[in-house]
Amino acid sequence: MLFGRNYKKALVPTKARKTWAQQLQQNHSFTGTPYYAKIEVFGGYTDQDNFNYDIQPEKSGLELSPRGLGTKYVTYNHLEVKGTPKVAGTITIELFGTTYGTNTCVGKRYDRVYTIKVEE
C-alpha cells in the first residue's frame, strides 16, 4: 500500500500557470512511510540528454525515475518519485533542462524545485 500519493506537473513557465504550479510544489510525508508522486513535464518533448535533476539530501530514501525505464517506451516527460523517506526535515527535488523545439515553436528551458516536508 502506498501513502502520500500526489500528482504534480513541471510546467514551462507562463503567467497563468505560475500560481497553480507553486501550489503543487509542496507535499508532506512521514519517515518510514512509502511515498509516491508523479511529475509531468509539459511544454515539449525532453529526453535524457536534456534532463537533469538533483535530490537533497542525497541519501533521503527517495529516487526519481522516468516512466517506462528499461523499456523502449521510456519518457522523461513523465517522472515518478518513489521510495521511503529515511530522514526527517525537508527533501528538495530540482528538475532542470530544456524541451525540444519544432519548426513552429522554440524549445524552452525549465527549472522547478519541489519540496517534501518529512515528519517523524
PDB file of N, CA and C in Angstrom:
ATOM      1  N   MET A   1       0.834  -1.161   0.000  1.00  0.00           N
ATOM      2  CA  MET A   1       0.000   0.000   0.000  1.00  0.00           C
ATOM      3  C   MET A   1       0.893   1.244   0.000  1.00  0.00           C
ATOM      4  N   LEU A   2       0.587   2.179  -0.845  1.00  0.00           N
ATOM      5  CA  LEU A   2       1.360   3.411  -0.938  1.00  0.00           C
ATOM      6  C   LEU A   2       0.589   4.560  -0.315  1.00  0.00           C
ATOM      7  N   PHE A   3       1.314   5.377   0.427  1.00  0.00           N
ATOM      8  CA  PHE A   3       0.718   6.548   1.051  1.00  0.00           C
ATOM      9  C   PHE A   3       1.369   7.790   0.466  1.00  0.00           C
ATOM     10  N   GLY A   4       0.780   8.923   0.658  1.00  0.00           N
ATOM     11  CA  GLY A   4       1.369  10.171   0.199  1.00  0.00           C
ATOM     12  C   GLY A   4       1.332  10.311  -1.313  1.00  0.00           C
ATOM     13  N   ARG A   5       0.342   9.739  -1.969  1.00  0.00           N
ATOM     14  CA  ARG A   5       0.254   9.835  -3.425  1.00  0.00           C
ATOM     15  C   ARG A   5      -0.022  11.263  -3.836  1.00  0.00           C
ATOM     16  N   ASN A   6       0.619  11.668  -4.913  1.00  0.00           N
ATOM     17  CA  ASN A   6       0.420  13.028  -5.386  1.00  0.00           C
ATOM     18  C   ASN A   6       0.738  13.059  -6.864  1.00  0.00           C
ATOM     19  N   TYR A   7       0.175  14.009  -7.559  1.00  0.00           N
ATOM     20  CA  TYR A   7       0.417  14.175  -8.988  1.00  0.00           C
ATOM     21  C   TYR A   7       0.797  15.621  -9.222  1.00  0.00           C
ATOM     22  N   LYS A   8       1.988  15.848  -9.785  1.00  0.00           N
ATOM     23  CA  LYS A   8       2.485  17.208  -9.970  1.00  0.00           C
ATOM     24  C   LYS A   8       2.873  17.419 -11.417  1.00  0.00           C
ATOM     25  N   LYS A   9       2.886  18.662 -11.833  1.00  0.00           N
ATOM     26  CA  LYS A   9       3.273  18.989 -13.197  1.00  0.00           C
ATOM     27  C   LYS A   9       4.403  20.005 -13.171  1.00  0.00           C
ATOM     28  N   ALA A  10       5.461  19.714 -13.919  1.00  0.00           N
ATOM     29  CA  ALA A  10       6.554  20.674 -14.073  1.00  0.00           C
ATOM     30  C   ALA A  10       6.251  21.446 -15.345  1.00  0.00           C
ATOM     31  N   LEU A  11       5.690  22.585 -15.183  1.00  0.00           N
ATOM     32  CA  LEU A  11       5.218  23.348 -16.325  1.00  0.00           C
ATOM     33  C   LEU A  11       6.280  24.305 -16.813  1.00  0.00           C
ATOM     34  N   VAL A  12       6.391  24.435 -18.099  1.00  0.00           N
ATOM     35  CA  VAL A  12       7.199  25.500 -18.655  1.00  0.00           C
ATOM     36  C   VAL A  12       6.481  26.790 -18.274  1.00  0.00           C
ATOM     37  N   PRO A  13       7.188  27.740 -17.658  1.00  0.00           N
ATOM     38  CA  PRO A  13       6.515  28.877 -17.022  1.00  0.00           C
ATOM     39  C   PRO A  13       5.677  29.736 -17.963  1.00  0.00           C
ATOM     40  N   THR A  14       4.478  30.007 -17.545  1.00  0.00           N
ATOM     41  CA  THR A  14       3.635  31.037 -18.139  1.00  0.00           C
ATOM     42  C   THR A  14       2.965  31.737 -16.969  1.00  0.00           C
ATOM     43  N   LYS A  15       2.525  32.955 -17.151  1.00  0.00           N
ATOM     44  CA  LYS A  15       1.932  33.709 -16.041  1.00  0.00           C
ATOM     45  C   LYS A  15       0.696  33.020 -15.483  1.00  0.00           C
ATOM     46  N   ALA A  16      -0.124  32.461 -16.353  1.00  0.00           N
ATOM     47  CA  ALA A  16      -1.366  31.838 -15.905  1.00  0.00           C
ATOM     48  C   ALA A  16      -1.113  30.580 -15.087  1.00  0.00           C
ATOM     49  N   ARG A  17      -0.016  29.860 -15.355  1.00  0.00           N
ATOM     50  CA  ARG A  17       0.252  28.596 -14.679  1.00  0.00           C
ATOM     51  C   ARG A  17       1.096  28.751 -13.420  1.00  0.00           C
ATOM     52  N   LYS A  18       1.716  29.900 -13.236  1.00  0.00           N
ATOM     53  CA  LYS A  18       2.696  30.063 -12.166  1.00  0.00           C
ATOM     54  C   LYS A  18       2.100  29.811 -10.779  1.00  0.00           C
ATOM     55  N   THR A  19       0.984  30.431 -10.451  1.00  0.00           N
ATOM     56  CA  THR A  19       0.385  30.272  -9.135  1.00  0.00           C
ATOM     57  C   THR A  19      -0.066  28.836  -8.922  1.00  0.00           C
ATOM     58  N   TRP A  20      -0.700  28.256  -9.931  1.00  0.00           N
ATOM     59  CA  TRP A  20      -1.177  26.889  -9.830  1.00  0.00           C
ATOM     60  C   TRP A  20      -0.025  25.922  -9.629  1.00  0.00           C
ATOM     61  N   ALA A  21       1.084  26.101 -10.344  1.00  0.00           N
ATOM     62  CA  ALA A  21       2.242  25.218 -10.220  1.00  0.00           C
ATOM     63  C   ALA A  21       2.880  25.353  -8.849  1.00  0.00           C
ATOM     64  N   GLN A  22       2.922  26.541  -8.292  1.00  0.00           N
ATOM     65  CA  GLN A  22       3.514  26.730  -6.979  1.00  0.00           C
ATOM     66  C   GLN A  22       2.710  26.020  -5.896  1.00  0.00           C
ATOM     67  N   GLN A  23       1.402  25.947  -6.043  1.00  0.00           N
ATOM     68  CA  GLN A  23       0.578  25.247  -5.073  1.00  0.00           C
ATOM     69  C   GLN A  23       0.871  23.751  -5.085  1.00  0.00           C
ATOM     70  N   LEU A  24       1.226  23.202  -6.226  1.00  0.00           N
ATOM     71  CA  LEU A  24       1.515  21.780  -6.344  1.00  0.00           C
ATOM     72  C   LEU A  24       2.918  21.413  -5.879  1.00  0.00           C
ATOM     73  N   GLN A  25       3.776  22.397  -5.696  1.00  0.00           N
ATOM     74  CA  GLN A  25       5.169  22.112  -5.434  1.00  0.00           C
ATOM     75  C   GLN A  25       5.482  21.752  -3.989  1.00  0.00           C
ATOM     76  N   GLN A  26       4.513  21.609  -3.149  1.00  0.00           N
ATOM     77  CA  GLN A  26       4.788  21.289  -1.772  1.00  0.00           C
ATOM     78  C   GLN A  26       3.949  20.091  -1.343  1.00  0.00           C
ATOM     79  N   ASN A  27       4.582  19.191  -0.580  1.00  0.00           N
ATOM     80  CA  ASN A  27       3.909  17.987  -0.155  1.00  0.00           C
ATOM     81  C   ASN A  27       4.465  17.556   1.196  1.00  0.00           C
ATOM     82  N   HIS A  28       3.760  16.674   1.892  1.00  0.00           N
ATOM     83  CA  HIS A  28       4.185  16.190   3.197  1.00  0.00           C
ATOM     84  C   HIS A  28       4.250  14.679   3.196  1.00  0.00           C
ATOM     85  N   SER A  29       5.144  14.132   4.038  1.00  0.00           N
ATOM     86  CA  SER A  29       5.276  12.699   4.194  1.00  0.00           C
ATOM     87  C   SER A  29       5.795  12.417   5.599  1.00  0.00           C
ATOM     88  N   PHE A  30       5.970  11.136   5.926  1.00  0.00           N
ATOM     89  CA  PHE A  30       6.480  10.713   7.226  1.00  0.00           C
ATOM     90  C   PHE A  30       7.614   9.721   7.013  1.00  0.00           C
ATOM     91  N   THR A  31       8.609   9.745   7.921  1.00  0.00           N
ATOM     92  CA  THR A  31       9.712   8.797   7.813  1.00  0.00           C
ATOM     93  C   THR A  31       9.156   7.387   7.965  1.00  0.00           C
ATOM     94  N   GLY A  32       9.699   6.466   7.187  1.00  0.00           N
ATOM     95  CA  GLY A  32       9.277   5.071   7.244  1.00  0.00           C
ATOM     96  C   GLY A  32       7.996   4.765   6.500  1.00  0.00           C
ATOM     97  N   THR A  33       7.352   5.763   5.913  1.00  0.00           N
ATOM     98  CA  THR A  33       6.108   5.563   5.167  1.00  0.00           C
ATOM     99  C   THR A  33       6.399   5.651   3.677  1.00  0.00           C
ATOM    100  N   PRO A  34       6.009   4.638   2.886  1.00  0.00           N
ATOM    101  CA  PRO A  34       6.262   4.697   1.436  1.00  0.00           C
ATOM    102  C   PRO A  34       5.648   5.942   0.810  1.00  0.00           C
ATOM    103  N   TYR A  35       6.390   6.548  -0.104  1.00  0.00           N
ATOM    104  CA  TYR A  35       5.979   7.779  -0.763  1.00  0.00           C
ATOM    105  C   TYR A  35       5.982   7.567  -2.276  1.00  0.00           C
ATOM    106  N   TYR A  36       5.010   8.153  -2.952  1.00  0.00           N
ATOM    107  CA  TYR A  36       4.925   8.054  -4.407  1.00  0.00           C
ATOM    108  C   TYR A  36       4.286   9.325  -4.958  1.00  0.00           C
ATOM    109  N   ALA A  37       4.893   9.886  -5.996  1.00  0.00           N
ATOM    110  CA  ALA A  37       4.314  11.054  -6.655  1.00  0.00           C
ATOM    111  C   ALA A  37       4.669  11.010  -8.129  1.00  0.00           C
ATOM    112  N   LYS A  38       3.781  11.526  -8.960  1.00  0.00           N
ATOM    113  CA  LYS A  38       4.042  11.648 -10.396  1.00  0.00           C
ATOM    114  C   LYS A  38       4.325  13.104 -10.713  1.00  0.00           C
ATOM    115  N   ILE A  39       5.298  13.338 -11.580  1.00  0.00           N
ATOM    116  CA  ILE A  39       5.611  14.682 -12.055  1.00  0.00           C
ATOM    117  C   ILE A  39       5.586  14.634 -13.568  1.00  0.00           C
ATOM    118  N   GLU A  40       4.925  15.587 -14.176  1.00  0.00           N
ATOM    119  CA  GLU A  40       4.820  15.626 -15.630  1.00  0.00           C
ATOM    120  C   GLU A  40       5.454  16.914 -16.148  1.00  0.00           C
ATOM    121  N   VAL A  41       6.329  16.794 -17.138  1.00  0.00           N
ATOM    122  CA  VAL A  41       6.982  17.952 -17.753  1.00  0.00           C
ATOM    123  C   VAL A  41       6.201  18.311 -19.010  1.00  0.00           C
ATOM    124  N   PHE A  42       5.605  19.518 -19.024  1.00  0.00           N
ATOM    125  CA  PHE A  42       4.827  19.991 -20.157  1.00  0.00           C
ATOM    126  C   PHE A  42       5.610  21.028 -20.949  1.00  0.00           C
ATOM    127  N   GLY A  43       5.187  21.303 -22.125  1.00  0.00           N
ATOM    128  CA  GLY A  43       5.786  22.365 -22.924  1.00  0.00           C
ATOM    129  C   GLY A  43       6.676  21.861 -24.034  1.00  0.00           C
ATOM    130  N   GLY A  44       6.707  20.558 -24.269  1.00  0.00           N
ATOM    131  CA  GLY A  44       7.526  19.991 -25.336  1.00  0.00           C
ATOM    132  C   GLY A  44       8.209  18.716 -24.886  1.00  0.00           C
ATOM    133  N   TYR A  45       8.786  18.016 -25.838  1.00  0.00           N
ATOM    134  CA  TYR A  45       9.448  16.742 -25.581  1.00  0.00           C
ATOM    135  C   TYR A  45      10.827  16.967 -24.966  1.00  0.00           C
ATOM    136  N   THR A  46      11.182  16.141 -23.989  1.00  0.00           N
ATOM    137  CA  THR A  46      12.529  16.166 -23.415  1.00  0.00           C
ATOM    138  C   THR A  46      13.044  14.737 -23.312  1.00  0.00           C
ATOM    139  N   ASP A  47      14.364  14.556 -23.356  1.00  0.00           N
ATOM    140  CA  ASP A  47      14.956  13.223 -23.244  1.00  0.00           C
ATOM    141  C   ASP A  47      16.102  13.260 -22.244  1.00  0.00           C
ATOM    142  N   GLN A  48      16.808  12.137 -22.085  1.00  0.00           N
ATOM    143  CA  GLN A  48      17.844  12.054 -21.055  1.00  0.00           C
ATOM    144  C   GLN A  48      19.007  13.008 -21.286  1.00  0.00           C
ATOM    145  N   ASP A  49      19.235  13.442 -22.525  1.00  0.00           N
ATOM    146  CA  ASP A  49      20.314  14.387 -22.800  1.00  0.00           C
ATOM    147  C   ASP A  49      19.955  15.810 -22.391  1.00  0.00           C
ATOM    148  N   ASN A  50      18.671  16.112 -22.279  1.00  0.00           N
ATOM    149  CA  ASN A  50      18.205  17.459 -21.951  1.00  0.00           C
ATOM    150  C   ASN A  50      17.513  17.526 -20.594  1.00  0.00           C
ATOM    151  N   PHE A  51      17.690  16.513 -19.770  1.00  0.00           N
ATOM    152  CA  PHE A  51      17.008  16.419 -18.489  1.00  0.00           C
ATOM    153  C   PHE A  51      18.025  16.191 -17.373  1.00  0.00           C
ATOM    154  N   ASN A  52      17.928  16.971 -16.306  1.00  0.00           N
ATOM    155  CA  ASN A  52      18.790  16.805 -15.137  1.00  0.00           C
ATOM    156  C   ASN A  52      17.954  16.960 -13.880  1.00  0.00           C
ATOM    157  N   TYR A  53      18.429  16.353 -12.794  1.00  0.00           N
ATOM    158  CA  TYR A  53      17.741  16.513 -11.518  1.00  0.00           C
ATOM    159  C   TYR A  53      18.730  16.398 -10.372  1.00  0.00           C
ATOM    160  N   ASP A  54      18.310  16.895  -9.223  1.00  0.00           N
ATOM    161  CA  ASP A  54      19.124  16.832  -8.019  1.00  0.00           C
ATOM    162  C   ASP A  54      18.190  16.635  -6.838  1.00  0.00           C
ATOM    163  N   ILE A  55      18.450  15.618  -6.016  1.00  0.00           N
ATOM    164  CA  ILE A  55      17.668  15.368  -4.804  1.00  0.00           C
ATOM    165  C   ILE A  55      18.575  15.626  -3.610  1.00  0.00           C
ATOM    166  N   GLN A  56      18.124  16.489  -2.706  1.00  0.00           N
ATOM    167  CA  GLN A  56      18.888  16.799  -1.491  1.00  0.00           C
ATOM    168  C   GLN A  56      18.018  16.563  -0.276  1.00  0.00           C
ATOM    169  N   PRO A  57      18.486  15.920   0.765  1.00  0.00           N
ATOM    170  CA  PRO A  57      19.778  15.283   0.903  1.00  0.00           C
ATOM    171  C   PRO A  57      19.880  14.037   0.031  1.00  0.00           C
ATOM    172  N   GLU A  58      21.112  13.689  -0.341  1.00  0.00           N
ATOM    173  CA  GLU A  58      21.326  12.601  -1.294  1.00  0.00           C
ATOM    174  C   GLU A  58      20.796  11.258  -0.811  1.00  0.00           C
ATOM    175  N   LYS A  59      20.953  10.940   0.451  1.00  0.00           N
ATOM    176  CA  LYS A  59      20.519   9.645   0.982  1.00  0.00           C
ATOM    177  C   LYS A  59      19.181   9.772   1.706  1.00  0.00           C
ATOM    178  N   SER A  60      18.251  10.432   1.040  1.00  0.00           N
ATOM    179  CA  SER A  60      16.939  10.691   1.636  1.00  0.00           C
ATOM    180  C   SER A  60      16.024   9.476   1.597  1.00  0.00           C
ATOM    181  N   GLY A  61      16.328   8.514   0.737  1.00  0.00           N
ATOM    182  CA  GLY A  61      15.456   7.356   0.575  1.00  0.00           C
ATOM    183  C   GLY A  61      14.517   7.484  -0.605  1.00  0.00           C
ATOM    184  N   LEU A  62      14.485   8.650  -1.258  1.00  0.00           N
ATOM    185  CA  LEU A  62      13.623   8.858  -2.421  1.00  0.00           C
ATOM    186  C   LEU A  62      14.457   8.817  -3.688  1.00  0.00           C
ATOM    187  N   GLU A  63      13.859   8.347  -4.753  1.00  0.00           N
ATOM    188  CA  GLU A  63      14.518   8.324  -6.058  1.00  0.00           C
ATOM    189  C   GLU A  63      13.560   8.826  -7.127  1.00  0.00           C
ATOM    190  N   LEU A  64      14.125   9.372  -8.181  1.00  0.00           N
ATOM    191  CA  LEU A  64      13.344   9.896  -9.304  1.00  0.00           C
ATOM    192  C   LEU A  64      13.681   9.062 -10.523  1.00  0.00           C
ATOM    193  N   SER A  65      12.671   8.612 -11.228  1.00  0.00           N
ATOM    194  CA  SER A  65      12.924   7.830 -12.433  1.00  0.00           C
ATOM    195  C   SER A  65      11.889   8.154 -13.500  1.00  0.00           C
ATOM    196  N   PRO A  66      12.298   8.094 -14.773  1.00  0.00           N
ATOM    197  CA  PRO A  66      11.335   8.301 -15.862  1.00  0.00           C
ATOM    198  C   PRO A  66      10.423   7.090 -15.976  1.00  0.00           C
ATOM    199  N   ARG A  67       9.202   7.332 -16.371  1.00  0.00           N
ATOM    200  CA  ARG A  67       8.257   6.238 -16.558  1.00  0.00           C
ATOM    201  C   ARG A  67       8.700   5.384 -17.742  1.00  0.00           C
ATOM    202  N   GLY A  68       8.603   4.095 -17.590  1.00  0.00           N
ATOM    203  CA  GLY A  68       8.978   3.175 -18.658  1.00  0.00           C
ATOM    204  C   GLY A  68      10.459   2.872 -18.698  1.00  0.00           C
ATOM    205  N   LEU A  69      11.205   3.172 -17.634  1.00  0.00           N
ATOM    206  CA  LEU A  69      12.638   2.928 -17.595  1.00  0.00           C
ATOM    207  C   LEU A  69      12.915   1.446 -17.811  1.00  0.00           C
ATOM    208  N   GLY A  70      13.836   1.144 -18.699  1.00  0.00           N
ATOM    209  CA  GLY A  70      14.160  -0.239 -19.028  1.00  0.00           C
ATOM    210  C   GLY A  70      13.382  -0.774 -20.218  1.00  0.00           C
ATOM    211  N   THR A  71      12.505   0.032 -20.786  1.00  0.00           N
ATOM    212  CA  THR A  71      11.759  -0.382 -21.971  1.00  0.00           C
ATOM    213  C   THR A  71      12.078   0.577 -23.112  1.00  0.00           C
ATOM    214  N   LYS A  72      11.611   0.251 -24.291  1.00  0.00           N
ATOM    215  CA  LYS A  72      11.840   1.154 -25.421  1.00  0.00           C
ATOM    216  C   LYS A  72      10.889   2.348 -25.391  1.00  0.00           C
ATOM    217  N   TYR A  73       9.957   2.371 -24.435  1.00  0.00           N
ATOM    218  CA  TYR A  73       8.986   3.451 -24.340  1.00  0.00           C
ATOM    219  C   TYR A  73       9.296   4.412 -23.186  1.00  0.00           C
ATOM    220  N   VAL A  74      10.541   4.519 -22.783  1.00  0.00           N
ATOM    221  CA  VAL A  74      10.914   5.405 -21.685  1.00  0.00           C
ATOM    222  C   VAL A  74      10.630   6.858 -22.073  1.00  0.00           C
ATOM    223  N   THR A  75      10.073   7.621 -21.122  1.00  0.00           N
ATOM    224  CA  THR A  75       9.757   9.018 -21.374  1.00  0.00           C
ATOM    225  C   THR A  75      10.211   9.870 -20.207  1.00  0.00           C
ATOM    226  N   TYR A  76      10.937  10.925 -20.501  1.00  0.00           N
ATOM    227  CA  TYR A  76      11.396  11.850 -19.479  1.00  0.00           C
ATOM    228  C   TYR A  76      10.403  12.988 -19.258  1.00  0.00           C
ATOM    229  N   ASN A  77       9.252  12.943 -19.916  1.00  0.00           N
ATOM    230  CA  ASN A  77       8.181  13.896 -19.663  1.00  0.00           C
ATOM    231  C   ASN A  77       7.272  13.403 -18.541  1.00  0.00           C
ATOM    232  N   HIS A  78       7.334  12.121 -18.221  1.00  0.00           N
ATOM    233  CA  HIS A  78       6.514  11.523 -17.175  1.00  0.00           C
ATOM    234  C   HIS A  78       7.460  10.869 -16.171  1.00  0.00           C
ATOM    235  N   LEU A  79       7.556  11.472 -14.989  1.00  0.00           N
ATOM    236  CA  LEU A  79       8.515  11.038 -13.978  1.00  0.00           C
ATOM    237  C   LEU A  79       7.795  10.522 -12.749  1.00  0.00           C
ATOM    238  N   GLU A  80       8.492   9.671 -11.990  1.00  0.00           N
ATOM    239  CA  GLU A  80       7.940   9.139 -10.752  1.00  0.00           C
ATOM    240  C   GLU A  80       8.937   9.363  -9.625  1.00  0.00           C
ATOM    241  N   VAL A  81       8.450   9.884  -8.515  1.00  0.00           N
ATOM    242  CA  VAL A  81       9.239   9.996  -7.296  1.00  0.00           C
ATOM    243  C   VAL A  81       8.721   8.910  -6.377  1.00  0.00           C
ATOM    244  N   LYS A  82       9.614   8.032  -5.922  1.00  0.00           N
ATOM    245  CA  LYS A  82       9.157   6.950  -5.062  1.00  0.00           C
ATOM    246  C   LYS A  82      10.258   6.535  -4.094  1.00  0.00           C
ATOM    247  N   GLY A  83       9.844   5.882  -3.042  1.00  0.00           N
ATOM    248  CA  GLY A  83      10.764   5.408  -2.030  1.00  0.00           C
ATOM    249  C   GLY A  83      10.175   5.628  -0.651  1.00  0.00           C
ATOM    250  N   THR A  84      10.992   5.328   0.358  1.00  0.00           N
ATOM    251  CA  THR A  84      10.589   5.523   1.737  1.00  0.00           C
ATOM    252  C   THR A  84      11.532   6.536   2.362  1.00  0.00           C
ATOM    253  N   PRO A  85      11.026   7.714   2.734  1.00  0.00           N
ATOM    254  CA  PRO A  85      11.899   8.721   3.330  1.00  0.00           C
ATOM    255  C   PRO A  85      12.598   8.200   4.584  1.00  0.00           C
ATOM    256  N   LYS A  86      13.919   8.409   4.649  1.00  0.00           N
ATOM    257  CA  LYS A  86      14.718   7.941   5.774  1.00  0.00           C
ATOM    258  C   LYS A  86      15.104   9.063   6.727  1.00  0.00           C
ATOM    259  N   VAL A  87      14.946  10.308   6.299  1.00  0.00           N
ATOM    260  CA  VAL A  87      15.352  11.449   7.120  1.00  0.00           C
ATOM    261  C   VAL A  87      14.175  12.387   7.317  1.00  0.00           C
ATOM    262  N   ALA A  88      14.103  12.952   8.511  1.00  0.00           N
ATOM    263  CA  ALA A  88      13.080  13.964   8.779  1.00  0.00           C
ATOM    264  C   ALA A  88      13.619  15.319   8.341  1.00  0.00           C
ATOM    265  N   GLY A  89      12.730  16.213   7.980  1.00  0.00           N
ATOM    266  CA  GLY A  89      13.131  17.532   7.515  1.00  0.00           C
ATOM    267  C   GLY A  89      12.591  17.786   6.124  1.00  0.00           C
ATOM    268  N   THR A  90      13.290  18.613   5.375  1.00  0.00           N
ATOM    269  CA  THR A  90      12.854  18.980   4.026  1.00  0.00           C
ATOM    270  C   THR A  90      13.708  18.274   2.987  1.00  0.00           C
ATOM    271  N   ILE A  91      13.054  17.597   2.058  1.00  0.00           N
ATOM    272  CA  ILE A  91      13.724  16.985   0.906  1.00  0.00           C
ATOM    273  C   ILE A  91      13.383  17.847  -0.303  1.00  0.00           C
ATOM    274  N   THR A  92      14.394  18.252  -1.053  1.00  0.00           N
ATOM    275  CA  THR A  92      14.150  19.064  -2.247  1.00  0.00           C
ATOM    276  C   THR A  92      14.527  18.271  -3.484  1.00  0.00           C
ATOM    277  N   ILE A  93      13.713  18.411  -4.504  1.00  0.00           N
ATOM    278  CA  ILE A  93      13.966  17.795  -5.804  1.00  0.00           C
ATOM    279  C   ILE A  93      13.949  18.913  -6.828  1.00  0.00           C
ATOM    280  N   GLU A  94      15.085  19.126  -7.487  1.00  0.00           N
ATOM    281  CA  GLU A  94      15.180  20.153  -8.520  1.00  0.00           C
ATOM    282  C   GLU A  94      15.234  19.483  -9.881  1.00  0.00           C
ATOM    283  N   LEU A  95      14.343  19.899 -10.767  1.00  0.00           N
ATOM    284  CA  LEU A  95      14.320  19.428 -12.153  1.00  0.00           C
ATOM    285  C   LEU A  95      14.750  20.587 -13.036  1.00  0.00           C
ATOM    286  N   PHE A  96      15.674  20.331 -13.958  1.00  0.00           N
ATOM    287  CA  PHE A  96      16.072  21.391 -14.872  1.00  0.00           C
ATOM    288  C   PHE A  96      16.532  20.782 -16.186  1.00  0.00           C
ATOM    289  N   GLY A  97      16.328  21.530 -17.253  1.00  0.00           N
ATOM    290  CA  GLY A  97      16.691  21.070 -18.586  1.00  0.00           C
ATOM    291  C   GLY A  97      15.997  21.892 -19.639  1.00  0.00           C
ATOM    292  N   THR A  98      15.899  21.327 -20.826  1.00  0.00           N
ATOM    293  CA  THR A  98      15.236  22.009 -21.936  1.00  0.00           C
ATOM    294  C   THR A  98      14.332  21.042 -22.673  1.00  0.00           C
ATOM    295  N   THR A  99      13.346  21.606 -23.351  1.00  0.00           N
ATOM    296  CA  THR A  99      12.496  20.809 -24.229  1.00  0.00           C
ATOM    297  C   THR A  99      12.954  21.036 -25.663  1.00  0.00           C
ATOM    298  N   TYR A 100      12.632  20.084 -26.526  1.00  0.00           N
ATOM    299  CA  TYR A 100      12.959  20.224 -27.943  1.00  0.00           C
ATOM    300  C   TYR A 100      12.037  21.239 -28.607  1.00  0.00           C
ATOM    301  N   GLY A 101      12.556  21.929 -29.574  1.00  0.00           N
ATOM    302  CA  GLY A 101      11.741  22.834 -30.367  1.00  0.00           C
ATOM    303  C   GLY A 101      11.249  22.135 -31.627  1.00  0.00           C
ATOM    304  N   THR A 102      10.351  22.789 -32.316  1.00  0.00           N
ATOM    305  CA  THR A 102       9.850  22.290 -33.597  1.00  0.00           C
ATOM    306  C   THR A 102      10.043  23.399 -34.627  1.00  0.00           C
ATOM    307  N   ASN A 103       9.556  23.172 -35.823  1.00  0.00           N
ATOM    308  CA  ASN A 103       9.681  24.216 -36.844  1.00  0.00           C
ATOM    309  C   ASN A 103       8.757  25.403 -36.584  1.00  0.00           C
ATOM    310  N   THR A 104       7.797  25.257 -35.661  1.00  0.00           N
ATOM    311  CA  THR A 104       6.893  26.363 -35.356  1.00  0.00           C
ATOM    312  C   THR A 104       7.018  26.862 -33.912  1.00  0.00           C
ATOM    313  N   CYS A 105       7.795  26.182 -33.084  1.00  0.00           N
ATOM    314  CA  CYS A 105       7.913  26.537 -31.667  1.00  0.00           C
ATOM    315  C   CYS A 105       9.333  26.257 -31.191  1.00  0.00           C
ATOM    316  N   VAL A 106       9.909  27.217 -30.507  1.00  0.00           N
ATOM    317  CA  VAL A 106      11.263  27.015 -29.995  1.00  0.00           C
ATOM    318  C   VAL A 106      11.221  26.178 -28.722  1.00  0.00           C
ATOM    319  N   GLY A 107      12.308  25.468 -28.443  1.00  0.00           N
ATOM    320  CA  GLY A 107      12.423  24.725 -27.198  1.00  0.00           C
ATOM    321  C   GLY A 107      12.506  25.698 -26.026  1.00  0.00           C
ATOM    322  N   LYS A 108      12.121  25.221 -24.858  1.00  0.00           N
ATOM    323  CA  LYS A 108      12.108  26.086 -23.678  1.00  0.00           C
ATOM    324  C   LYS A 108      12.898  25.450 -22.549  1.00  0.00           C
ATOM    325  N   ARG A 109      13.480  26.297 -21.728  1.00  0.00           N
ATOM    326  CA  ARG A 109      14.215  25.857 -20.555  1.00  0.00           C
ATOM    327  C   ARG A 109      13.239  25.778 -19.383  1.00  0.00           C
ATOM    328  N   TYR A 110      13.403  24.759 -18.539  1.00  0.00           N
ATOM    329  CA  TYR A 110      12.598  24.661 -17.328  1.00  0.00           C
ATOM    330  C   TYR A 110      13.516  24.419 -16.130  1.00  0.00           C
ATOM    331  N   ASP A 111      13.086  24.903 -14.991  1.00  0.00           N
ATOM    332  CA  ASP A 111      13.822  24.751 -13.746  1.00  0.00           C
ATOM    333  C   ASP A 111      12.800  24.845 -12.616  1.00  0.00           C
ATOM    334  N   ARG A 112      12.502  23.725 -11.995  1.00  0.00           N
ATOM    335  CA  ARG A 112      11.488  23.673 -10.948  1.00  0.00           C
ATOM    336  C   ARG A 112      12.068  22.999  -9.717  1.00  0.00           C
ATOM    337  N   VAL A 113      11.682  23.474  -8.550  1.00  0.00           N
ATOM    338  CA  VAL A 113      12.100  22.874  -7.293  1.00  0.00           C
ATOM    339  C   VAL A 113      10.847  22.424  -6.548  1.00  0.00           C
ATOM    340  N   TYR A 114      10.817  21.164  -6.164  1.00  0.00           N
ATOM    341  CA  TYR A 114       9.726  20.587  -5.394  1.00  0.00           C
ATOM    342  C   TYR A 114      10.241  20.290  -3.995  1.00  0.00           C
ATOM    343  N   THR A 115       9.461  20.561  -2.980  1.00  0.00           N
ATOM    344  CA  THR A 115       9.863  20.273  -1.621  1.00  0.00           C
ATOM    345  C   THR A 115       8.884  19.287  -0.998  1.00  0.00           C
ATOM    346  N   ILE A 116       9.445  18.392  -0.230  1.00  0.00           N
ATOM    347  CA  ILE A 116       8.643  17.413   0.503  1.00  0.00           C
ATOM    348  C   ILE A 116       9.028  17.553   1.970  1.00  0.00           C
ATOM    349  N   LYS A 117       8.086  17.881   2.815  1.00  0.00           N
ATOM    350  CA  LYS A 117       8.341  18.013   4.246  1.00  0.00           C
ATOM    351  C   LYS A 117       8.094  16.665   4.889  1.00  0.00           C
ATOM    352  N   VAL A 118       9.138  16.113   5.491  1.00  0.00           N
ATOM    353  CA  VAL A 118       9.061  14.790   6.103  1.00  0.00           C
ATOM    354  C   VAL A 118       9.066  14.953   7.614  1.00  0.00           C
ATOM    355  N   GLU A 119       8.068  14.366   8.249  1.00  0.00           N
ATOM    356  CA  GLU A 119       7.948  14.416   9.699  1.00  0.00           C
ATOM    357  C   GLU A 119       8.235  13.035  10.275  1.00  0.00           C
ATOM    358  N   GLU A 120       8.629  13.014  11.550  1.00  0.00           N
ATOM    359  CA  GLU A 120       8.928  11.751  12.241  1.00  0.00           C
ATOM    360  C   GLU A 120       7.652  10.984  12.504  1.00  0.00           C
TER     361      GLU A 120
END
